[in-house]
């Protein structure tokens, strides 16, 4: 049975914004290895549209960006959306009963399915379907934006903390 993991970069003051901070080479290597190891990724519409950037090669990419793109393209992606009618390569649209769909994914797969996007993660948290939370804490204060937790923070228990690269701490929590 797969485990649903909500993993996302976060500022010190609790906000997520992929344009506000970039991973250093060590953290980017971590993300390449992470994507290679997951069973797939689960996205809401907005996050999926952001990640579609990796579907097409860009001339300005360096070797590690090409490596990340290849890893991302090779993994299945499930997209939760009420408005999209189609999705890109190796992606599948989830419509209707979210809880039943995610329980089905968990039952059909082994390993980790990463969920990205605070709003989708909040919906899954309310349904009791998130098994682990990974906060990649960056030394940046944004003062605004979309919070990592889109609703009340569920009771959590810290199970690990790891330094990745020069500036990032990954905090790993499970539901208490």
N, C-alpha and C. Protein backbone atom coordinates (compact mmCIF):
# COMPACT_ATOMS: atom_id res chain seq x y z
N UNK A 1 0.84 -1.18 0.00
CA UNK A 1 0.00 0.00 0.00
C UNK A 1 0.88 1.24 0.00
N UNK A 2 0.54 2.19 -0.85
CA UNK A 2 1.31 3.43 -0.96
C UNK A 2 1.04 4.34 0.23
N UNK A 3 2.00 5.22 0.46
CA UNK A 3 1.90 6.22 1.51
C UNK A 3 1.77 7.58 0.82
N UNK A 4 0.84 8.41 1.27
CA UNK A 4 0.67 9.76 0.74
C UNK A 4 1.53 10.72 1.56
N UNK A 5 2.43 11.42 0.87
CA UNK A 5 3.38 12.32 1.52
C UNK A 5 3.20 13.73 0.95
N UNK A 6 2.92 14.69 1.83
CA UNK A 6 2.85 16.09 1.42
C UNK A 6 4.22 16.70 1.66
N UNK A 7 4.91 17.06 0.57
CA UNK A 7 6.25 17.60 0.66
C UNK A 7 6.33 18.88 -0.16
N UNK A 8 6.83 19.95 0.48
CA UNK A 8 6.89 21.23 -0.23
C UNK A 8 7.87 22.16 0.46
N UNK A 9 8.48 23.05 -0.31
CA UNK A 9 9.35 24.09 0.24
C UNK A 9 8.50 25.10 0.99
N UNK A 10 9.09 25.64 2.06
CA UNK A 10 8.37 26.59 2.90
C UNK A 10 9.33 27.64 3.44
N UNK A 11 8.83 28.88 3.57
CA UNK A 11 9.62 29.95 4.18
C UNK A 11 9.57 29.80 5.70
N UNK A 12 10.42 30.54 6.40
CA UNK A 12 10.43 30.50 7.85
C UNK A 12 9.09 30.90 8.46
N UNK A 13 8.39 31.78 7.77
CA UNK A 13 7.10 32.23 8.29
C UNK A 13 5.92 31.43 7.74
N UNK A 14 6.20 30.28 7.14
CA UNK A 14 5.13 29.33 6.82
C UNK A 14 4.50 29.43 5.45
N UNK A 15 5.12 30.16 4.52
CA UNK A 15 4.51 30.33 3.20
C UNK A 15 5.24 29.53 2.13
N UNK A 16 4.50 29.15 1.09
CA UNK A 16 5.08 28.45 -0.05
C UNK A 16 4.99 29.38 -1.26
N UNK A 17 6.10 29.46 -2.00
CA UNK A 17 6.15 30.27 -3.20
C UNK A 17 7.38 29.83 -3.98
N UNK A 18 7.16 29.05 -5.03
CA UNK A 18 8.29 28.49 -5.77
C UNK A 18 9.16 29.55 -6.43
N UNK A 19 8.67 30.78 -6.53
CA UNK A 19 9.47 31.84 -7.15
C UNK A 19 10.33 32.59 -6.13
N UNK A 20 10.11 32.37 -4.84
CA UNK A 20 10.78 33.15 -3.80
C UNK A 20 12.14 32.60 -3.41
N UNK A 21 12.39 31.32 -3.63
CA UNK A 21 13.68 30.75 -3.28
C UNK A 21 13.95 29.55 -4.17
N UNK A 22 15.21 29.41 -4.55
CA UNK A 22 15.62 28.34 -5.43
C UNK A 22 16.48 27.34 -4.66
N UNK A 23 16.41 26.07 -5.01
CA UNK A 23 17.26 25.09 -4.32
C UNK A 23 18.72 25.24 -4.74
N UNK A 24 19.63 25.05 -3.77
CA UNK A 24 21.05 25.01 -4.13
C UNK A 24 21.32 23.66 -4.81
N UNK A 25 22.50 23.45 -5.36
CA UNK A 25 22.77 22.20 -6.09
C UNK A 25 22.55 20.93 -5.27
N UNK A 26 22.87 20.95 -3.99
CA UNK A 26 22.67 19.76 -3.15
C UNK A 26 21.19 19.46 -2.97
N UNK A 27 20.39 20.50 -2.70
CA UNK A 27 18.95 20.30 -2.54
C UNK A 27 18.32 19.87 -3.87
N UNK A 28 18.78 20.44 -4.96
CA UNK A 28 18.22 20.05 -6.26
C UNK A 28 18.53 18.58 -6.55
N UNK A 29 19.74 18.13 -6.23
CA UNK A 29 20.09 16.71 -6.38
C UNK A 29 19.17 15.85 -5.51
N UNK A 30 18.89 16.31 -4.31
CA UNK A 30 17.96 15.60 -3.42
C UNK A 30 16.60 15.46 -4.10
N UNK A 31 16.12 16.53 -4.72
CA UNK A 31 14.82 16.48 -5.38
C UNK A 31 14.84 15.55 -6.60
N UNK A 32 15.94 15.51 -7.33
CA UNK A 32 16.05 14.57 -8.45
C UNK A 32 15.92 13.14 -7.93
N UNK A 33 16.68 12.82 -6.89
CA UNK A 33 16.63 11.48 -6.31
C UNK A 33 15.26 11.16 -5.74
N UNK A 34 14.64 12.17 -5.14
CA UNK A 34 13.31 12.00 -4.57
C UNK A 34 12.30 11.64 -5.66
N UNK A 35 12.31 12.40 -6.74
CA UNK A 35 11.36 12.14 -7.84
C UNK A 35 11.59 10.75 -8.42
N UNK A 36 12.85 10.36 -8.55
CA UNK A 36 13.14 9.02 -9.06
C UNK A 36 12.55 7.93 -8.18
N UNK A 37 12.48 8.19 -6.87
CA UNK A 37 12.06 7.17 -5.92
C UNK A 37 10.57 7.08 -5.66
N UNK A 38 9.79 8.06 -6.09
CA UNK A 38 8.36 8.03 -5.77
C UNK A 38 7.60 7.12 -6.74
N UNK A 39 6.45 6.67 -6.27
CA UNK A 39 5.56 5.88 -7.13
C UNK A 39 4.82 6.80 -8.11
N UNK A 40 4.70 8.07 -7.75
CA UNK A 40 4.02 9.05 -8.59
C UNK A 40 3.75 10.31 -7.79
N UNK A 41 3.13 11.27 -8.45
CA UNK A 41 2.84 12.56 -7.83
C UNK A 41 1.37 12.89 -8.00
N UNK A 42 0.85 13.57 -7.01
CA UNK A 42 -0.56 13.96 -6.97
C UNK A 42 -0.62 15.48 -6.91
N UNK A 43 -1.34 16.08 -7.86
CA UNK A 43 -1.38 17.53 -7.97
C UNK A 43 -2.81 18.04 -8.04
N UNK A 44 -3.00 19.26 -7.54
CA UNK A 44 -4.17 20.04 -7.89
C UNK A 44 -3.89 20.72 -9.22
N UNK A 45 -4.89 21.34 -9.78
CA UNK A 45 -4.74 21.94 -11.10
C UNK A 45 -3.63 22.98 -11.17
N UNK A 46 -3.61 23.92 -10.24
CA UNK A 46 -2.62 25.01 -10.31
C UNK A 46 -1.19 24.48 -10.20
N UNK A 47 -0.94 23.58 -9.26
CA UNK A 47 0.41 23.05 -9.10
C UNK A 47 0.80 22.21 -10.33
N UNK A 48 -0.16 21.46 -10.85
CA UNK A 48 0.14 20.66 -12.05
C UNK A 48 0.51 21.58 -13.21
N UNK A 49 -0.23 22.67 -13.40
CA UNK A 49 0.08 23.59 -14.48
C UNK A 49 1.47 24.21 -14.31
N UNK A 50 1.88 24.46 -13.08
CA UNK A 50 3.23 24.95 -12.81
C UNK A 50 4.27 23.88 -13.16
N UNK A 51 4.02 22.65 -12.76
CA UNK A 51 4.99 21.57 -12.99
C UNK A 51 5.06 21.12 -14.45
N UNK A 52 4.06 21.44 -15.24
CA UNK A 52 4.10 21.08 -16.67
C UNK A 52 5.32 21.68 -17.37
N UNK A 53 5.94 22.63 -16.76
CA UNK A 53 7.19 23.20 -17.26
C UNK A 53 8.19 22.09 -17.59
N UNK A 54 8.18 21.00 -16.80
CA UNK A 54 9.15 19.91 -16.96
C UNK A 54 8.77 18.95 -18.08
N UNK A 55 7.63 19.13 -18.70
CA UNK A 55 7.20 18.25 -19.79
C UNK A 55 7.96 18.48 -21.10
N UNK A 56 8.46 19.68 -21.29
CA UNK A 56 9.14 20.00 -22.54
C UNK A 56 10.55 20.49 -22.25
N UNK A 57 11.50 20.03 -23.03
CA UNK A 57 12.89 20.42 -22.84
C UNK A 57 13.09 21.89 -23.20
N UNK A 58 13.95 22.54 -22.41
CA UNK A 58 14.29 23.95 -22.64
C UNK A 58 15.78 24.04 -22.92
N UNK A 59 16.16 24.80 -23.93
CA UNK A 59 17.56 24.91 -24.34
C UNK A 59 18.47 25.38 -23.21
N UNK A 60 17.96 26.21 -22.32
CA UNK A 60 18.81 26.79 -21.27
C UNK A 60 19.06 25.83 -20.10
N UNK A 61 18.45 24.67 -20.10
CA UNK A 61 18.64 23.72 -19.00
C UNK A 61 20.07 23.21 -18.94
N UNK A 62 20.53 23.00 -17.71
CA UNK A 62 21.81 22.32 -17.52
C UNK A 62 21.55 20.82 -17.35
N UNK A 63 22.60 20.06 -17.11
CA UNK A 63 22.48 18.59 -17.04
C UNK A 63 21.54 18.16 -15.92
N UNK A 64 21.62 18.81 -14.75
CA UNK A 64 20.75 18.39 -13.65
C UNK A 64 19.29 18.72 -13.91
N UNK A 65 19.02 19.80 -14.58
CA UNK A 65 17.63 20.12 -14.93
C UNK A 65 17.09 19.10 -15.93
N UNK A 66 17.89 18.68 -16.85
CA UNK A 66 17.47 17.63 -17.80
C UNK A 66 17.23 16.32 -17.06
N UNK A 67 18.07 16.04 -16.09
CA UNK A 67 17.92 14.82 -15.29
C UNK A 67 16.61 14.86 -14.48
N UNK A 68 16.32 16.01 -13.88
CA UNK A 68 15.07 16.16 -13.13
C UNK A 68 13.88 15.97 -14.06
N UNK A 69 13.93 16.62 -15.20
CA UNK A 69 12.82 16.52 -16.16
C UNK A 69 12.58 15.08 -16.58
N UNK A 70 13.65 14.35 -16.86
CA UNK A 70 13.51 12.95 -17.27
C UNK A 70 12.88 12.12 -16.15
N UNK A 71 13.31 12.35 -14.92
CA UNK A 71 12.73 11.63 -13.79
C UNK A 71 11.25 11.97 -13.63
N UNK A 72 10.93 13.27 -13.72
CA UNK A 72 9.54 13.71 -13.55
C UNK A 72 8.65 13.16 -14.66
N UNK A 73 9.14 13.19 -15.88
CA UNK A 73 8.35 12.70 -17.01
C UNK A 73 8.08 11.21 -16.90
N UNK A 74 9.00 10.46 -16.30
CA UNK A 74 8.87 9.00 -16.23
C UNK A 74 7.84 8.52 -15.21
N UNK A 75 7.44 9.39 -14.30
CA UNK A 75 6.54 8.99 -13.21
C UNK A 75 5.09 9.36 -13.53
N UNK A 76 4.16 8.52 -13.07
CA UNK A 76 2.75 8.88 -13.26
C UNK A 76 2.39 10.08 -12.39
N UNK A 77 1.47 10.86 -12.92
CA UNK A 77 0.97 12.03 -12.23
C UNK A 77 -0.55 11.95 -12.23
N UNK A 78 -1.15 12.19 -11.07
CA UNK A 78 -2.60 12.22 -10.97
C UNK A 78 -2.99 13.65 -10.64
N UNK A 79 -3.95 14.17 -11.37
CA UNK A 79 -4.32 15.58 -11.26
C UNK A 79 -5.78 15.68 -10.83
N UNK A 80 -5.99 16.33 -9.70
CA UNK A 80 -7.34 16.55 -9.17
C UNK A 80 -7.83 17.89 -9.69
N UNK A 81 -8.90 17.86 -10.45
CA UNK A 81 -9.41 19.11 -11.03
C UNK A 81 -10.88 18.97 -11.40
N UNK A 82 -11.61 20.06 -11.17
CA UNK A 82 -13.00 20.11 -11.62
C UNK A 82 -13.11 20.82 -12.97
N UNK A 83 -12.02 21.49 -13.39
CA UNK A 83 -12.10 22.30 -14.61
C UNK A 83 -11.31 21.73 -15.79
N UNK A 84 -10.21 21.04 -15.53
CA UNK A 84 -9.44 20.49 -16.65
C UNK A 84 -10.22 19.37 -17.33
N UNK A 85 -10.12 19.32 -18.63
CA UNK A 85 -10.77 18.26 -19.41
C UNK A 85 -9.75 17.22 -19.88
N UNK A 86 -8.47 17.62 -19.92
CA UNK A 86 -7.42 16.70 -20.31
C UNK A 86 -6.14 17.10 -19.60
N UNK A 87 -5.19 16.15 -19.53
CA UNK A 87 -3.89 16.40 -18.92
C UNK A 87 -2.81 15.87 -19.85
N UNK A 88 -1.57 16.19 -19.55
CA UNK A 88 -0.46 15.86 -20.43
C UNK A 88 0.01 14.42 -20.34
N UNK A 89 1.20 14.18 -20.89
CA UNK A 89 1.75 12.82 -20.93
C UNK A 89 1.92 12.22 -19.54
N UNK A 90 1.63 10.95 -19.45
CA UNK A 90 1.81 10.18 -18.22
C UNK A 90 1.05 10.80 -17.04
N UNK A 91 -0.05 11.46 -17.32
CA UNK A 91 -0.87 12.09 -16.28
C UNK A 91 -2.31 11.60 -16.43
N UNK A 92 -3.00 11.55 -15.31
CA UNK A 92 -4.36 11.02 -15.26
C UNK A 92 -5.23 11.96 -14.45
N UNK A 93 -6.40 12.25 -14.95
CA UNK A 93 -7.32 13.17 -14.32
C UNK A 93 -8.15 12.45 -13.26
N UNK A 94 -8.24 13.04 -12.07
CA UNK A 94 -9.10 12.53 -11.00
C UNK A 94 -10.28 13.46 -10.87
N UNK A 95 -11.46 12.91 -11.06
CA UNK A 95 -12.70 13.68 -10.91
C UNK A 95 -13.61 12.91 -9.98
N UNK A 96 -14.60 13.57 -9.44
CA UNK A 96 -15.58 12.86 -8.61
C UNK A 96 -15.12 12.70 -7.18
N UNK A 97 -15.37 11.53 -6.62
CA UNK A 97 -15.13 11.24 -5.21
C UNK A 97 -13.63 11.18 -4.91
N UNK A 98 -13.09 12.26 -4.34
CA UNK A 98 -11.66 12.36 -4.07
C UNK A 98 -11.20 11.28 -3.11
N UNK A 99 -11.92 11.07 -2.03
CA UNK A 99 -11.50 10.09 -1.03
C UNK A 99 -11.40 8.69 -1.64
N UNK A 100 -12.40 8.30 -2.41
CA UNK A 100 -12.38 6.97 -3.03
C UNK A 100 -11.24 6.86 -4.03
N UNK A 101 -10.99 7.91 -4.79
CA UNK A 101 -9.91 7.88 -5.78
C UNK A 101 -8.55 7.73 -5.11
N UNK A 102 -8.32 8.47 -4.03
CA UNK A 102 -7.02 8.41 -3.36
C UNK A 102 -6.86 7.08 -2.62
N UNK A 103 -7.91 6.60 -2.01
CA UNK A 103 -7.82 5.27 -1.38
C UNK A 103 -7.50 4.20 -2.42
N UNK A 104 -8.08 4.34 -3.61
CA UNK A 104 -7.79 3.41 -4.70
C UNK A 104 -6.33 3.49 -5.13
N UNK A 105 -5.79 4.71 -5.26
CA UNK A 105 -4.37 4.86 -5.62
C UNK A 105 -3.47 4.23 -4.56
N UNK A 106 -3.81 4.47 -3.29
CA UNK A 106 -3.00 3.89 -2.22
C UNK A 106 -3.02 2.37 -2.27
N UNK A 107 -4.17 1.80 -2.57
CA UNK A 107 -4.30 0.34 -2.61
C UNK A 107 -3.59 -0.26 -3.83
N UNK A 108 -3.56 0.46 -4.93
CA UNK A 108 -3.01 -0.06 -6.19
C UNK A 108 -1.50 0.09 -6.31
N UNK A 109 -0.88 0.92 -5.48
CA UNK A 109 0.54 1.23 -5.64
C UNK A 109 1.31 0.94 -4.36
N UNK A 110 2.62 0.78 -4.54
CA UNK A 110 3.55 0.63 -3.42
C UNK A 110 4.44 1.87 -3.39
N UNK A 111 5.04 2.14 -2.24
CA UNK A 111 5.97 3.26 -2.13
C UNK A 111 5.26 4.54 -1.74
N UNK A 112 5.82 5.65 -2.19
CA UNK A 112 5.30 6.96 -1.82
C UNK A 112 4.67 7.66 -3.01
N UNK A 113 3.54 8.27 -2.76
CA UNK A 113 2.91 9.17 -3.72
C UNK A 113 2.97 10.56 -3.08
N UNK A 114 3.71 11.44 -3.73
CA UNK A 114 3.86 12.79 -3.17
C UNK A 114 2.73 13.68 -3.65
N UNK A 115 2.18 14.42 -2.71
CA UNK A 115 1.14 15.39 -3.04
C UNK A 115 1.78 16.77 -2.91
N UNK A 116 1.53 17.61 -3.91
CA UNK A 116 2.08 18.96 -3.90
C UNK A 116 0.92 19.95 -4.00
N UNK A 117 1.00 20.97 -3.21
CA UNK A 117 -0.03 22.01 -3.22
C UNK A 117 -0.79 22.01 -1.91
N UNK A 118 -0.78 23.15 -1.22
CA UNK A 118 -1.40 23.24 0.10
C UNK A 118 -2.91 22.98 0.11
N UNK A 119 -3.61 23.43 -0.90
CA UNK A 119 -5.07 23.26 -0.88
C UNK A 119 -5.46 21.80 -1.05
N UNK A 120 -4.83 21.11 -1.99
CA UNK A 120 -5.11 19.68 -2.16
C UNK A 120 -4.68 18.92 -0.91
N UNK A 121 -3.51 19.25 -0.37
CA UNK A 121 -3.06 18.58 0.85
C UNK A 121 -4.03 18.81 1.99
N UNK A 122 -4.60 20.01 2.08
CA UNK A 122 -5.59 20.30 3.13
C UNK A 122 -6.82 19.41 2.96
N UNK A 123 -7.30 19.28 1.74
CA UNK A 123 -8.46 18.41 1.50
C UNK A 123 -8.15 16.97 1.89
N UNK A 124 -6.95 16.51 1.53
CA UNK A 124 -6.56 15.14 1.87
C UNK A 124 -6.35 14.97 3.37
N UNK A 125 -5.85 16.02 4.03
CA UNK A 125 -5.68 15.98 5.48
C UNK A 125 -7.04 15.84 6.16
N UNK A 126 -8.01 16.64 5.70
CA UNK A 126 -9.35 16.56 6.28
C UNK A 126 -9.96 15.17 6.11
N UNK A 127 -9.58 14.47 5.05
CA UNK A 127 -10.09 13.12 4.80
C UNK A 127 -9.25 12.05 5.51
N UNK A 128 -8.20 12.48 6.22
CA UNK A 128 -7.34 11.54 6.93
C UNK A 128 -6.45 10.71 6.01
N UNK A 129 -6.09 11.26 4.85
CA UNK A 129 -5.36 10.47 3.85
C UNK A 129 -3.88 10.83 3.72
N UNK A 130 -3.41 11.87 4.42
CA UNK A 130 -1.98 12.21 4.36
C UNK A 130 -1.26 11.43 5.45
N UNK A 131 -0.26 10.65 5.04
CA UNK A 131 0.47 9.80 5.97
C UNK A 131 1.72 10.47 6.53
N UNK A 132 2.24 11.47 5.81
CA UNK A 132 3.47 12.11 6.24
C UNK A 132 3.55 13.51 5.64
N UNK A 133 4.14 14.42 6.42
CA UNK A 133 4.34 15.81 5.98
C UNK A 133 5.84 16.09 6.01
N UNK A 134 6.37 16.61 4.88
CA UNK A 134 7.78 16.99 4.80
C UNK A 134 7.88 18.47 4.47
N UNK A 135 8.35 19.23 5.42
CA UNK A 135 8.51 20.67 5.25
C UNK A 135 9.98 20.95 4.98
N UNK A 136 10.27 21.49 3.81
CA UNK A 136 11.62 21.90 3.45
C UNK A 136 11.74 23.37 3.83
N UNK A 137 12.31 23.63 4.99
CA UNK A 137 12.33 24.96 5.57
C UNK A 137 13.52 25.76 5.05
N UNK A 138 13.22 26.88 4.36
CA UNK A 138 14.24 27.77 3.79
C UNK A 138 14.40 29.01 4.67
N UNK A 139 15.61 29.56 4.77
CA UNK A 139 15.84 30.75 5.61
C UNK A 139 15.40 32.04 4.91
N UNK A 140 14.13 32.10 4.59
CA UNK A 140 13.55 33.25 3.90
C UNK A 140 12.26 33.61 4.62
N UNK A 141 12.02 34.91 4.82
CA UNK A 141 10.77 35.38 5.39
C UNK A 141 10.03 36.12 4.28
N UNK A 142 8.83 35.62 3.94
CA UNK A 142 8.07 36.21 2.84
C UNK A 142 7.06 37.25 3.32
N UNK A 143 6.45 37.01 4.46
CA UNK A 143 5.47 37.96 4.99
C UNK A 143 4.11 37.91 4.31
N UNK A 144 3.96 37.06 3.32
CA UNK A 144 2.68 36.94 2.61
C UNK A 144 2.73 35.70 1.72
N UNK A 145 1.59 35.38 1.16
CA UNK A 145 1.53 34.28 0.21
C UNK A 145 0.60 33.17 0.65
N UNK A 146 0.78 32.04 0.07
CA UNK A 146 -0.04 30.87 0.36
C UNK A 146 0.63 30.08 1.49
N UNK A 147 -0.08 29.84 2.59
CA UNK A 147 0.52 29.10 3.69
C UNK A 147 0.69 27.61 3.36
N UNK A 148 1.72 27.00 3.93
CA UNK A 148 1.95 25.56 3.76
C UNK A 148 0.71 24.78 4.17
N UNK A 149 0.16 25.12 5.32
CA UNK A 149 -1.09 24.49 5.77
C UNK A 149 -2.24 25.42 5.39
N UNK A 150 -3.09 24.97 4.49
CA UNK A 150 -4.18 25.79 3.97
C UNK A 150 -5.36 25.89 4.94
N UNK A 151 -5.31 25.18 6.02
CA UNK A 151 -6.35 25.22 7.03
C UNK A 151 -5.72 24.97 8.39
N UNK A 152 -6.52 24.66 9.37
CA UNK A 152 -5.95 24.38 10.69
C UNK A 152 -4.92 23.25 10.59
N UNK A 153 -3.80 23.45 11.28
CA UNK A 153 -2.75 22.44 11.26
C UNK A 153 -3.21 21.22 12.05
N UNK A 154 -3.11 20.05 11.45
CA UNK A 154 -3.51 18.85 12.16
C UNK A 154 -2.51 18.55 13.27
N UNK A 155 -2.92 17.80 14.29
CA UNK A 155 -1.95 17.40 15.32
C UNK A 155 -0.88 16.51 14.68
N UNK A 156 0.37 16.91 14.87
CA UNK A 156 1.48 16.20 14.22
C UNK A 156 2.53 15.80 15.26
N UNK A 157 3.32 14.80 14.87
CA UNK A 157 4.44 14.34 15.69
C UNK A 157 5.70 14.35 14.83
N UNK A 158 6.74 15.05 15.29
CA UNK A 158 8.00 15.13 14.57
C UNK A 158 8.69 13.76 14.63
N UNK A 159 9.09 13.24 13.46
CA UNK A 159 9.77 11.95 13.42
C UNK A 159 11.20 12.06 12.89
N UNK A 160 11.54 13.18 12.22
CA UNK A 160 12.90 13.33 11.72
C UNK A 160 13.16 14.79 11.36
N UNK A 161 14.45 15.14 11.40
CA UNK A 161 14.90 16.44 10.90
C UNK A 161 16.25 16.21 10.24
N UNK A 162 16.41 16.76 9.03
CA UNK A 162 17.63 16.55 8.26
C UNK A 162 18.05 17.86 7.63
N UNK A 163 19.34 18.12 7.66
CA UNK A 163 19.87 19.27 6.94
C UNK A 163 20.18 18.81 5.52
N UNK A 164 19.71 19.57 4.55
CA UNK A 164 19.96 19.23 3.14
C UNK A 164 20.58 20.46 2.49
N UNK A 165 21.79 20.31 2.03
CA UNK A 165 22.49 21.45 1.44
C UNK A 165 22.96 22.40 2.51
N UNK A 166 23.22 23.62 2.10
CA UNK A 166 23.77 24.63 3.01
C UNK A 166 22.73 25.30 3.90
N UNK A 167 21.47 25.35 3.45
CA UNK A 167 20.55 26.22 4.16
C UNK A 167 19.19 25.62 4.50
N UNK A 168 18.91 24.42 4.06
CA UNK A 168 17.55 23.89 4.20
C UNK A 168 17.51 22.78 5.26
N UNK A 169 16.49 22.85 6.07
CA UNK A 169 16.19 21.79 7.04
C UNK A 169 14.89 21.14 6.59
N UNK A 170 14.90 19.81 6.48
CA UNK A 170 13.66 19.07 6.19
C UNK A 170 13.13 18.54 7.51
N UNK A 171 11.90 18.94 7.83
CA UNK A 171 11.21 18.45 9.01
C UNK A 171 10.17 17.44 8.55
N UNK A 172 10.19 16.26 9.14
CA UNK A 172 9.26 15.20 8.76
C UNK A 172 8.33 14.91 9.93
N UNK A 173 7.03 15.02 9.65
CA UNK A 173 5.99 14.81 10.66
C UNK A 173 5.02 13.72 10.19
N UNK A 174 4.42 13.06 11.15
CA UNK A 174 3.32 12.14 10.87
C UNK A 174 2.13 12.60 11.72
N UNK A 175 0.91 12.23 11.31
CA UNK A 175 -0.24 12.58 12.15
C UNK A 175 -0.06 12.00 13.55
N UNK A 176 -0.40 12.80 14.55
CA UNK A 176 -0.26 12.37 15.97
C UNK A 176 -1.36 11.40 16.35
